[in-house]
Protein backbone atom coordinates (compact mmCIF):
# COMPACT_ATOMS: atom_id res chain seq x y z
CA MET A 1 19.21 159.38 164.79
CA ARG A 2 21.82 160.88 162.66
CA SER A 3 23.47 158.73 160.07
CA LEU A 4 27.18 158.21 160.66
CA GLY A 5 27.34 157.11 156.90
CA ALA A 6 28.61 153.93 155.79
CA ALA A 7 31.96 152.44 157.21
CA VAL A 8 34.44 152.11 154.98
CA PRO A 9 36.61 148.86 154.70
CA ILE A 10 40.26 148.80 155.94
CA TRP A 11 41.56 147.07 153.30
CA SER A 12 40.41 150.44 151.21
CA ASN A 13 42.92 152.63 152.21
CA THR A 14 45.73 149.76 151.80
CA MET A 15 44.80 148.73 148.28
CA LYS A 16 44.42 152.60 147.24
CA PHE A 17 48.12 152.74 148.81
CA LEU A 18 49.03 149.93 146.85
CA ILE A 19 47.96 150.58 143.16
CA LEU A 20 49.22 154.85 143.80
CA VAL A 21 52.83 153.56 144.76
CA PRO A 22 53.67 151.43 141.51
CA ALA A 23 51.64 154.39 139.63
CA THR A 24 53.79 157.04 141.12
CA LEU A 25 56.98 154.97 140.43
CA VAL A 26 55.69 154.32 137.00
CA ALA A 27 55.02 158.42 136.65
CA PHE A 28 59.36 159.00 137.35
CA GLY A 29 60.53 156.80 134.45
CA THR A 30 63.97 155.67 134.97
CA THR A 31 65.64 157.71 137.68
CA ALA A 32 68.09 156.84 139.99
CA PHE A 33 66.98 159.93 142.01
CA ALA A 34 65.40 157.16 144.58
CA ALA A 35 67.99 155.85 145.76
CA GLY A 36 69.58 159.26 146.56
CA VAL A 37 71.65 159.70 142.77
CA PRO A 38 70.82 162.91 141.26
CA ILE A 39 70.83 161.64 138.02
CA HIS A 40 67.89 160.52 135.06
CA THR A 41 67.63 159.93 131.93
CA VAL A 42 66.04 162.51 129.27
CA THR A 43 65.33 162.23 125.76
CA THR A 44 67.27 164.18 122.99
CA ALA A 45 67.67 164.92 119.67
CA LYS A 46 70.96 162.39 120.34
CA GLY A 47 68.78 160.01 121.44
CA ASP A 48 68.84 159.05 125.79
CA VAL A 49 71.21 160.32 127.70
CA LEU A 50 71.97 161.25 131.25
CA ALA A 51 70.82 164.34 132.91
CA GLY A 52 71.37 165.87 136.46
CA GLU A 53 69.73 169.01 138.15
CA LYS A 54 66.71 170.96 135.96
CA GLY A 55 67.23 168.08 133.08
CA MET A 56 70.57 169.34 132.19
CA THR A 57 72.45 166.89 129.70
CA LEU A 58 75.50 165.37 131.19
CA TYR A 59 78.86 164.63 129.48
CA THR A 60 81.67 162.58 129.91
CA PHE A 61 85.52 163.89 128.79
CA LYS A 62 87.95 161.42 126.96
CA LYS A 63 90.80 162.95 128.70
CA ASP A 64 89.14 161.71 132.10
CA LYS A 65 90.58 157.81 133.44
CA PRO A 66 87.90 155.60 135.33
CA GLY A 67 87.60 157.34 138.83
CA THR A 68 89.93 160.23 138.01
CA SER A 69 88.86 164.09 136.39
CA ASN A 70 91.43 165.31 134.45
CA CYS A 71 89.03 168.38 133.96
CA TYR A 72 90.21 171.52 136.66
CA ASP A 73 90.58 175.41 136.28
CA THR A 74 89.38 176.75 133.26
CA CYS A 75 87.83 173.56 131.80
CA ALA A 76 85.73 172.87 135.35
CA GLN A 77 84.69 176.52 134.88
CA ASN A 78 83.71 175.15 131.03
CA TRP A 79 82.56 172.13 132.11
CA PRO A 80 81.24 172.22 135.97
CA PRO A 81 81.76 168.82 137.77
CA LEU A 82 78.27 166.96 138.75
CA ILE A 83 79.16 167.14 142.70
CA ALA A 84 77.89 164.84 144.63
CA SER A 85 77.43 166.02 148.59
CA ASN A 86 79.24 164.27 151.53
CA GLU A 87 76.05 162.77 152.36
CA ALA A 88 76.12 161.03 149.07
CA LYS A 89 76.41 157.14 148.41
CA ALA A 90 77.29 155.16 145.42
CA ASP A 91 74.58 153.05 143.29
CA GLY A 92 75.07 150.40 140.99
CA THR A 93 76.86 152.00 138.33
CA TYR A 94 77.07 155.57 139.54
CA SER A 95 79.83 156.23 141.84
CA ILE A 96 81.41 158.96 143.53
CA ILE A 97 84.83 160.23 143.05
CA ALA A 98 87.24 162.19 144.83
CA ARG A 99 88.54 165.35 142.93
CA LYS A 100 92.43 166.92 143.75
CA ASP A 101 90.15 170.05 145.45
CA GLY A 102 88.82 167.64 148.02
CA SER A 103 85.26 167.90 146.15
CA LYS A 104 83.52 165.14 145.39
CA GLN A 105 81.79 164.09 141.67
CA TRP A 106 79.66 161.64 140.77
CA ALA A 107 80.67 159.19 137.59
CA LYS A 108 79.06 156.79 135.87
CA ASP A 109 81.10 153.48 135.40
CA GLY A 110 83.95 155.10 136.85
CA MET A 111 83.57 157.93 134.20
CA PRO A 112 83.41 161.49 135.93
CA LEU A 113 80.15 163.27 134.75
CA TYR A 114 80.07 167.28 133.90
CA TYR A 115 77.56 169.78 132.82
CA TRP A 116 78.65 172.10 129.60
CA VAL A 117 77.56 176.00 130.23
CA LYS A 118 76.56 176.87 126.67
CA ASP A 119 73.93 174.09 127.42
CA ALA A 120 70.89 176.78 127.73
CA LYS A 121 67.87 174.12 128.47
CA GLU A 122 66.61 170.74 129.50
CA GLY A 123 67.84 168.32 126.74
CA ASP A 124 70.06 170.31 125.13
CA THR A 125 73.38 168.62 123.64
CA THR A 126 75.45 171.49 122.38
CA GLY A 127 78.91 169.96 124.23
CA ASP A 128 78.59 166.54 122.45
CA GLY A 129 81.47 166.35 120.57
CA VAL A 130 83.23 169.37 121.70
CA ASN A 131 87.29 169.90 120.63
CA GLY A 132 86.29 165.77 119.80
CA VAL A 133 86.91 165.32 123.66
CA TRP A 134 83.49 165.69 124.85
CA ASP A 135 80.64 162.88 124.62
CA VAL A 136 77.14 162.78 125.94
CA ALA A 137 76.43 160.45 128.71
CA LYS A 138 74.28 157.45 127.96
CA PRO A 139 72.49 155.42 130.15
């Protein structure tokens, strides 16, 4: 007679799931990706800052107003906006503003978010303080 092996209680797989899901969430740290917001927090020489795709630092522009971007043309070439897809949904402190060119842009507390073209790698903050009007975006 062949042995079919020990029976595995059904709760065994459930327990694995209940342990792995919270552990996975902890591993991802503070991130808004789960809600569809492509923004997370990274630690830099300037402390914790908001980052977008590939961990690139995000910035705010002092000439913007809540809900309104004032960075277009050459400004937007140097400071690309964090574009939101048509399917993107606002979540908590993260909102989506309409740009005058018809595109959508992510904002934190109403303030539009941008990348800086001279940041080369994750965690760079070389745009902080440029012309006295750009600041790293803080969580």
